[in-house]
Each structure stands twice: as C-alpha cells, then as structure tokens.
PDB file of N, CA and C in Angstrom:
ATOM      1  N   UNK A   1      97.180 123.059  87.779  1.00  0.00           N
ATOM      2  CA  UNK A   1      97.769 121.967  86.958  1.00  0.00           C
ATOM      3  C   UNK A   1      98.299 122.433  85.765  1.00  0.00           C
ATOM      4  N   UNK A   2      99.538 122.100  85.564  1.00  0.00           N
ATOM      5  CA  UNK A   2     100.225 122.454  84.201  1.00  0.00           C
ATOM      6  C   UNK A   2      99.614 121.611  83.013  1.00  0.00           C
ATOM      7  N   UNK A   3     100.030 122.123  81.894  1.00  0.00           N
ATOM      8  CA  UNK A   3      99.578 121.404  80.600  1.00  0.00           C
ATOM      9  C   UNK A   3     100.221 120.076  80.578  1.00  0.00           C
ATOM     10  N   UNK A   4     101.468 120.003  81.015  1.00  0.00           N
ATOM     11  CA  UNK A   4     102.229 118.693  81.081  1.00  0.00           C
ATOM     12  C   UNK A   4     101.486 117.605  81.940  1.00  0.00           C
ATOM     13  N   UNK A   5     101.170 118.099  83.100  1.00  0.00           N
ATOM     14  CA  UNK A   5     100.601 117.232  84.009  1.00  0.00           C
ATOM     15  C   UNK A   5      99.239 116.792  83.530  1.00  0.00           C
ATOM     16  N   UNK A   6      98.461 117.709  82.885  1.00  0.00           N
ATOM     17  CA  UNK A   6      97.213 117.326  82.301  1.00  0.00           C
ATOM     18  C   UNK A   6      97.328 116.308  81.214  1.00  0.00           C
ATOM     19  N   UNK A   7      98.174 116.483  80.356  1.00  0.00           N
ATOM     20  CA  UNK A   7      98.376 115.421  79.290  1.00  0.00           C
ATOM     21  C   UNK A   7      98.970 114.008  79.772  1.00  0.00           C
ATOM     22  N   UNK A   8      99.754 114.223  80.891  1.00  0.00           N
ATOM     23  CA  UNK A   8     100.160 112.910  81.423  1.00  0.00           C
ATOM     24  C   UNK A   8      99.002 112.122  82.073  1.00  0.00           C
ATOM     25  N   UNK A   9      98.035 112.892  82.611  1.00  0.00           N
ATOM     26  CA  UNK A   9      96.854 112.228  83.243  1.00  0.00           C
ATOM     27  C   UNK A   9      96.113 111.513  82.046  1.00  0.00           C
ATOM     28  N   UNK A  10      95.859 112.262  80.969  1.00  0.00           N
ATOM     29  CA  UNK A  10      95.110 111.714  79.845  1.00  0.00           C
ATOM     30  C   UNK A  10      95.838 110.758  79.010  1.00  0.00           C
ATOM     31  N   UNK A  11      97.244 110.549  79.331  1.00  0.00           N
ATOM     32  CA  UNK A  11      98.040 109.500  78.655  1.00  0.00           C
ATOM     33  C   UNK A  11      98.455 110.014  77.278  1.00  0.00           C
ATOM     34  N   UNK A  12      98.544 111.345  77.159  1.00  0.00           N
ATOM     35  CA  UNK A  12      99.089 111.983  75.777  1.00  0.00           C
ATOM     36  C   UNK A  12     100.389 112.145  75.825  1.00  0.00           C
ATOM     37  N   UNK A  13     100.788 112.907  74.901  1.00  0.00           N
ATOM     38  CA  UNK A  13     102.264 113.040  74.718  1.00  0.00           C
ATOM     39  C   UNK A  13     102.628 114.369  75.338  1.00  0.00           C
ATOM     40  N   UNK A  14     103.836 114.394  76.000  1.00  0.00           N
ATOM     41  CA  UNK A  14     104.317 115.538  76.752  1.00  0.00           C
ATOM     42  C   UNK A  14     104.405 116.735  75.755  1.00  0.00           C
ATOM     43  N   UNK A  15     104.395 118.015  76.300  1.00  0.00           N
ATOM     44  CA  UNK A  15     104.454 119.083  75.278  1.00  0.00           C
ATOM     45  C   UNK A  15     105.738 119.341  74.650  1.00  0.00           C
ATOM     46  N   UNK A  16     106.825 118.980  75.276  1.00  0.00           N
ATOM     47  CA  UNK A  16     108.089 119.229  74.742  1.00  0.00           C
ATOM     48  C   UNK A  16     108.618 118.193  73.702  1.00  0.00           C
ATOM     49  N   UNK A  17     107.816 117.116  73.518  1.00  0.00           N
ATOM     50  CA  UNK A  17     108.350 116.222  72.470  1.00  0.00           C
ATOM     51  C   UNK A  17     107.666 116.632  71.079  1.00  0.00           C
ATOM     52  N   UNK A  18     108.241 116.295  69.959  1.00  0.00           N
ATOM     53  CA  UNK A  18     107.914 116.681  68.735  1.00  0.00           C
ATOM     54  C   UNK A  18     106.560 115.835  68.215  1.00  0.00           C
ATOM     55  N   UNK A  19     105.656 116.281  67.591  1.00  0.00           N
ATOM     56  CA  UNK A  19     104.503 115.431  67.088  1.00  0.00           C
ATOM     57  C   UNK A  19     104.900 114.444  66.009  1.00  0.00           C
ATOM     58  N   UNK A  20     105.976 114.611  65.175  1.00  0.00           N
ATOM     59  CA  UNK A  20     106.333 113.688  64.301  1.00  0.00           C
ATOM     60  C   UNK A  20     106.875 112.273  64.874  1.00  0.00           C
ATOM     61  N   UNK A  21     107.111 112.415  66.155  1.00  0.00           N
ATOM     62  CA  UNK A  21     107.555 111.093  66.867  1.00  0.00           C
ATOM     63  C   UNK A  21     106.386 110.190  66.810  1.00  0.00           C
ATOM     64  N   UNK A  22     105.188 110.542  66.999  1.00  0.00           N
ATOM     65  CA  UNK A  22     104.078 109.668  67.037  1.00  0.00           C
ATOM     66  C   UNK A  22     103.582 109.213  65.762  1.00  0.00           C
ATOM     67  N   UNK A  23     104.093 109.991  64.582  1.00  0.00           N
ATOM     68  CA  UNK A  23     103.601 109.704  63.223  1.00  0.00           C
ATOM     69  C   UNK A  23     104.573 108.743  62.504  1.00  0.00           C
ATOM     70  N   UNK A  24     105.631 108.360  63.103  1.00  0.00           N
ATOM     71  CA  UNK A  24     106.728 107.565  62.378  1.00  0.00           C
ATOM     72  C   UNK A  24     106.185 106.272  61.907  1.00  0.00           C
ATOM     73  N   UNK A  25     105.359 105.559  62.709  1.00  0.00           N
ATOM     74  CA  UNK A  25     104.960 104.196  62.258  1.00  0.00           C
ATOM     75  C   UNK A  25     103.889 104.218  61.384  1.00  0.00           C
ATOM     76  N   UNK A  26     103.231 105.263  60.839  1.00  0.00           N
ATOM     77  CA  UNK A  26     102.086 105.279  60.029  1.00  0.00           C
ATOM     78  C   UNK A  26     102.692 105.524  58.586  1.00  0.00           C
ATOM     79  N   UNK A  27     102.354 104.548  57.735  1.00  0.00           N
ATOM     80  CA  UNK A  27     102.862 104.708  56.317  1.00  0.00           C
ATOM     81  C   UNK A  27     102.151 105.779  55.462  1.00  0.00           C
ATOM     82  N   UNK A  28     102.816 106.308  54.560  1.00  0.00           N
ATOM     83  CA  UNK A  28     102.069 107.397  53.759  1.00  0.00           C
ATOM     84  C   UNK A  28     101.101 106.724  52.820  1.00  0.00           C
ATOM     85  N   UNK A  29     100.014 107.325  52.528  1.00  0.00           N
ATOM     86  CA  UNK A  29      99.027 106.807  51.726  1.00  0.00           C
ATOM     87  C   UNK A  29      99.440 106.680  50.350  1.00  0.00           C
ATOM     88  N   UNK A  30      99.010 105.554  49.614  1.00  0.00           N
ATOM     89  CA  UNK A  30      99.352 105.237  48.318  1.00  0.00           C
ATOM     90  C   UNK A  30      98.802 106.033  47.258  1.00  0.00           C
ATOM     91  N   UNK A  31      99.590 106.537  46.263  1.00  0.00           N
ATOM     92  CA  UNK A  31      98.983 107.339  45.231  1.00  0.00           C
ATOM     93  C   UNK A  31      98.068 106.556  44.349  1.00  0.00           C
ATOM     94  N   UNK A  32      96.913 107.048  44.029  1.00  0.00           N
ATOM     95  CA  UNK A  32      95.852 106.293  43.306  1.00  0.00           C
ATOM     96  C   UNK A  32      96.400 106.420  41.887  1.00  0.00           C
ATOM     97  N   UNK A  33      96.204 105.378  41.057  1.00  0.00           N
ATOM     98  CA  UNK A  33      96.455 105.337  39.638  1.00  0.00           C
ATOM     99  C   UNK A  33      95.267 105.670  38.852  1.00  0.00           C
ATOM    100  N   UNK A  34      95.449 106.184  37.719  1.00  0.00           N
ATOM    101  CA  UNK A  34      94.332 106.501  36.864  1.00  0.00           C
ATOM    102  C   UNK A  34      94.718 106.011  35.575  1.00  0.00           C
ATOM    103  N   UNK A  35      93.696 105.410  34.731  1.00  0.00           N
ATOM    104  CA  UNK A  35      93.964 104.995  33.506  1.00  0.00           C
ATOM    105  C   UNK A  35      93.654 106.080  32.484  1.00  0.00           C
ATOM    106  N   UNK A  36      93.966 105.744  31.208  1.00  0.00           N
ATOM    107  CA  UNK A  36      93.694 106.620  30.149  1.00  0.00           C
ATOM    108  C   UNK A  36      92.294 106.979  30.055  1.00  0.00           C
ATOM    109  N   UNK A  37      91.477 105.871  30.243  1.00  0.00           N
ATOM    110  CA  UNK A  37      90.084 105.991  30.055  1.00  0.00           C
ATOM    111  C   UNK A  37      89.455 106.757  31.051  1.00  0.00           C
ATOM    112  N   UNK A  38      90.023 106.558  32.269  1.00  0.00           N
ATOM    113  CA  UNK A  38      89.360 107.448  33.404  1.00  0.00           C
ATOM    114  C   UNK A  38      89.593 108.893  33.286  1.00  0.00           C
ATOM    115  N   UNK A  39      90.823 109.243  32.667  1.00  0.00           N
ATOM    116  CA  UNK A  39      91.221 110.627  32.375  1.00  0.00           C
ATOM    117  C   UNK A  39      90.307 111.195  31.255  1.00  0.00           C
ATOM    118  N   UNK A  40      89.985 110.431  30.295  1.00  0.00           N
ATOM    119  CA  UNK A  40      89.062 110.765  29.235  1.00  0.00           C
ATOM    120  C   UNK A  40      87.710 111.023  29.848  1.00  0.00           C
ATOM    121  N   UNK A  41      87.262 110.110  30.620  1.00  0.00           N
ATOM    122  CA  UNK A  41      85.880 110.187  31.202  1.00  0.00           C
ATOM    123  C   UNK A  41      85.700 111.369  32.152  1.00  0.00           C
ATOM    124  N   UNK A  42      86.738 111.634  32.834  1.00  0.00           N
ATOM    125  CA  UNK A  42      86.667 112.873  33.783  1.00  0.00           C
ATOM    126  C   UNK A  42      86.641 114.115  32.893  1.00  0.00           C
ATOM    127  N   UNK A  43      87.341 114.255  31.929  1.00  0.00           N
ATOM    128  CA  UNK A  43      87.215 115.538  30.949  1.00  0.00           C
ATOM    129  C   UNK A  43      86.024 115.621  30.316  1.00  0.00           C
ATOM    130  N   UNK A  44      85.447 114.462  29.968  1.00  0.00           N
ATOM    131  CA  UNK A  44      84.165 114.496  29.298  1.00  0.00           C
ATOM    132  C   UNK A  44      82.973 114.775  30.090  1.00  0.00           C
ATOM    133  N   UNK A  45      83.162 114.229  31.359  1.00  0.00           N
ATOM    134  CA  UNK A  45      82.105 114.456  32.353  1.00  0.00           C
ATOM    135  C   UNK A  45      81.989 115.976  32.857  1.00  0.00           C
ATOM    136  N   UNK A  46      83.164 116.682  32.820  1.00  0.00           N
ATOM    137  CA  UNK A  46      83.136 118.076  33.121  1.00  0.00           C
ATOM    138  C   UNK A  46      82.663 118.965  32.064  1.00  0.00           C
ATOM    139  N   UNK A  47      82.750 118.578  30.792  1.00  0.00           N
ATOM    140  CA  UNK A  47      82.313 119.276  29.621  1.00  0.00           C
ATOM    141  C   UNK A  47      80.870 119.057  29.616  1.00  0.00           C
ATOM    142  N   UNK A  48      80.202 117.950  29.920  1.00  0.00           N
ATOM    143  CA  UNK A  48      78.843 117.593  29.805  1.00  0.00           C
ATOM    144  C   UNK A  48      77.999 118.037  30.948  1.00  0.00           C
ATOM    145  N   UNK A  49      78.564 118.043  32.138  1.00  0.00           N
ATOM    146  CA  UNK A  49      77.742 118.405  33.337  1.00  0.00           C
ATOM    147  C   UNK A  49      76.955 119.532  33.285  1.00  0.00           C
ATOM    148  N   UNK A  50      77.578 120.622  32.775  1.00  0.00           N
ATOM    149  CA  UNK A  50      76.799 121.806  32.665  1.00  0.00           C
ATOM    150  C   UNK A  50      75.418 121.889  32.074  1.00  0.00           C
ATOM    151  N   UNK A  51      75.453 120.994  31.100  1.00  0.00           N
ATOM    152  CA  UNK A  51      74.153 120.760  30.209  1.00  0.00           C
ATOM    153  C   UNK A  51      72.984 120.253  31.113  1.00  0.00           C
ATOM    154  N   UNK A  52      73.310 119.440  32.137  1.00  0.00           N
ATOM    155  CA  UNK A  52      72.457 118.739  32.962  1.00  0.00           C
ATOM    156  C   UNK A  52      72.201 119.475  34.337  1.00  0.00           C
ATOM    157  N   UNK A  53      72.659 120.650  34.392  1.00  0.00           N
ATOM    158  CA  UNK A  53      72.365 121.420  35.604  1.00  0.00           C
ATOM    159  C   UNK A  53      71.560 122.593  35.574  1.00  0.00           C
ATOM    160  N   UNK A  54      70.854 122.970  36.617  1.00  0.00           N
ATOM    161  CA  UNK A  54      70.080 124.177  36.551  1.00  0.00           C
ATOM    162  C   UNK A  54      70.820 125.360  36.827  1.00  0.00           C
ATOM    163  N   UNK A  55      70.335 126.531  36.753  1.00  0.00           N
ATOM    164  CA  UNK A  55      71.078 127.768  37.029  1.00  0.00           C
ATOM    165  C   UNK A  55      71.548 127.890  38.412  1.00  0.00           C
ATOM    166  N   UNK A  56      70.863 127.299  39.416  1.00  0.00           N
ATOM    167  CA  UNK A  56      71.296 127.267  40.659  1.00  0.00           C
ATOM    168  C   UNK A  56      72.464 126.328  40.984  1.00  0.00           C
ATOM    169  N   UNK A  57      72.739 125.519  39.931  1.00  0.00           N
ATOM    170  CA  UNK A  57      73.961 124.513  40.229  1.00  0.00           C
ATOM    171  C   UNK A  57      73.540 123.101  40.531  1.00  0.00           C
ATOM    172  N   UNK A  58      72.094 123.128  40.853  1.00  0.00           N
ATOM    173  CA  UNK A  58      71.647 121.689  41.290  1.00  0.00           C
ATOM    174  C   UNK A  58      71.404 120.872  40.058  1.00  0.00           C
ATOM    175  N   UNK A  59      71.363 119.580  40.156  1.00  0.00           N
ATOM    176  CA  UNK A  59      71.268 118.630  39.033  1.00  0.00           C
ATOM    177  C   UNK A  59      69.805 118.708  38.635  1.00  0.00           C
ATOM    178  N   UNK A  60      69.458 118.543  37.293  1.00  0.00           N
ATOM    179  CA  UNK A  60      68.012 118.418  36.868  1.00  0.00           C
ATOM    180  C   UNK A  60      67.532 117.164  37.249  1.00  0.00           C
ATOM    181  N   UNK A  61      66.371 116.784  36.952  1.00  0.00           N
ATOM    182  CA  UNK A  61      65.817 115.381  37.162  1.00  0.00           C
ATOM    183  C   UNK A  61      66.567 114.458  36.289  1.00  0.00           C
ATOM    184  N   UNK A  62      66.953 113.373  36.886  1.00  0.00           N
ATOM    185  CA  UNK A  62      67.802 112.380  36.073  1.00  0.00           C
ATOM    186  C   UNK A  62      69.084 112.982  35.262  1.00  0.00           C
ATOM    187  N   UNK A  63      69.469 114.099  35.637  1.00  0.00           N
ATOM    188  CA  UNK A  63      70.585 114.759  35.035  1.00  0.00           C
ATOM    189  C   UNK A  63      71.832 114.188  35.336  1.00  0.00           C
ATOM    190  N   UNK A  64      72.296 113.690  36.541  1.00  0.00           N
ATOM    191  CA  UNK A  64      73.409 113.111  36.847  1.00  0.00           C
ATOM    192  C   UNK A  64      73.577 111.845  36.079  1.00  0.00           C
ATOM    193  N   UNK A  65      72.460 111.030  36.106  1.00  0.00           N
ATOM    194  CA  UNK A  65      72.480 109.826  35.332  1.00  0.00           C
ATOM    195  C   UNK A  65      72.688 109.940  33.835  1.00  0.00           C
ATOM    196  N   UNK A  66      72.140 111.083  33.365  1.00  0.00           N
ATOM    197  CA  UNK A  66      72.267 111.288  31.905  1.00  0.00           C
ATOM    198  C   UNK A  66      73.607 111.790  31.577  1.00  0.00           C
ATOM    199  N   UNK A  67      74.170 112.488  32.543  1.00  0.00           N
ATOM    200  CA  UNK A  67      75.548 113.084  32.273  1.00  0.00           C
ATOM    201  C   UNK A  67      76.575 111.899  32.273  1.00  0.00           C
ATOM    202  N   UNK A  68      76.418 110.985  33.125  1.00  0.00           N
ATOM    203  CA  UNK A  68      77.313 109.946  33.267  1.00  0.00           C
ATOM    204  C   UNK A  68      77.245 109.071  32.009  1.00  0.00           C
ATOM    205  N   UNK A  69      76.011 108.809  31.537  1.00  0.00           N
ATOM    206  CA  UNK A  69      75.807 108.013  30.240  1.00  0.00           C
ATOM    207  C   UNK A  69      76.475 108.549  29.242  1.00  0.00           C
ATOM    208  N   UNK A  70      76.207 109.860  28.915  1.00  0.00           N
ATOM    209  CA  UNK A  70      76.814 110.584  27.825  1.00  0.00           C
ATOM    210  C   UNK A  70      78.323 110.812  27.914  1.00  0.00           C
ATOM    211  N   UNK A  71      78.948 111.006  29.006  1.00  0.00           N
ATOM    212  CA  UNK A  71      80.272 110.909  29.274  1.00  0.00           C
ATOM    213  C   UNK A  71      80.932 109.675  28.853  1.00  0.00           C
ATOM    214  N   UNK A  72      80.330 108.477  29.332  1.00  0.00           N
ATOM    215  CA  UNK A  72      80.812 107.160  29.134  1.00  0.00           C
ATOM    216  C   UNK A  72      80.771 107.081  27.560  1.00  0.00           C
ATOM    217  N   UNK A  73      79.682 107.394  26.825  1.00  0.00           N
ATOM    218  CA  UNK A  73      79.505 107.231  25.471  1.00  0.00           C
ATOM    219  C   UNK A  73      80.585 107.978  24.600  1.00  0.00           C
ATOM    220  N   UNK A  74      80.855 109.324  25.150  1.00  0.00           N
ATOM    221  CA  UNK A  74      81.933 109.972  24.523  1.00  0.00           C
ATOM    222  C   UNK A  74      83.346 109.444  24.786  1.00  0.00           C
ATOM    223  N   UNK A  75      83.528 108.820  25.720  1.00  0.00           N
ATOM    224  CA  UNK A  75      84.826 108.258  26.198  1.00  0.00           C
ATOM    225  C   UNK A  75      85.162 106.976  25.482  1.00  0.00           C
ATOM    226  N   UNK A  76      84.215 106.299  25.046  1.00  0.00           N
ATOM    227  CA  UNK A  76      84.430 105.043  24.306  1.00  0.00           C
ATOM    228  C   UNK A  76      85.302 105.379  22.980  1.00  0.00           C
ATOM    229  N   UNK A  77      84.992 106.381  22.213  1.00  0.00           N
ATOM    230  CA  UNK A  77      85.741 106.677  20.974  1.00  0.00           C
ATOM    231  C   UNK A  77      87.067 106.659  20.960  1.00  0.00           C
TER     232      UNK A  77
END
C-alpha cells in the first residue's frame, strides 16, 4: 500500500497537495495588548523574583505571593 492510498483511507490529505491549502480558513491569532502598567509590573516582578527564590531556583515558602505583592506595590508609583 502506498502512502497516498493509506492517507486516502484515513481521509487525510494526498501527499502531492501543499499543507497550506488546509490552513487557509484558519485566522491568525490576535496579538495581545499590554498596558503601561503591565509592562512596569513585568519588569518589577523580574527584578524582585530572585529575592524570593532559593539557590535551586525553587520559590521559597510564600515567595511567589510575596514577590507578586511587592511588584504590584512598586508598579503603583
């Protein structure tokens, strides 16, 4: 059995057609918007996160919660 026959049995696309034909009807995903606050928060969270992590890279107890709280506080200014 050839690959074309096998795909025809499965109801797939024949080998000689391009894969872009099947993707024509799918719209591209929308680009997410980010506010000025979310950009500030992201930068502040990255600065603060290392203070609340252990040497192994795992979060300390309540570390993530504390990092989020501090980053929000820094971002308000």
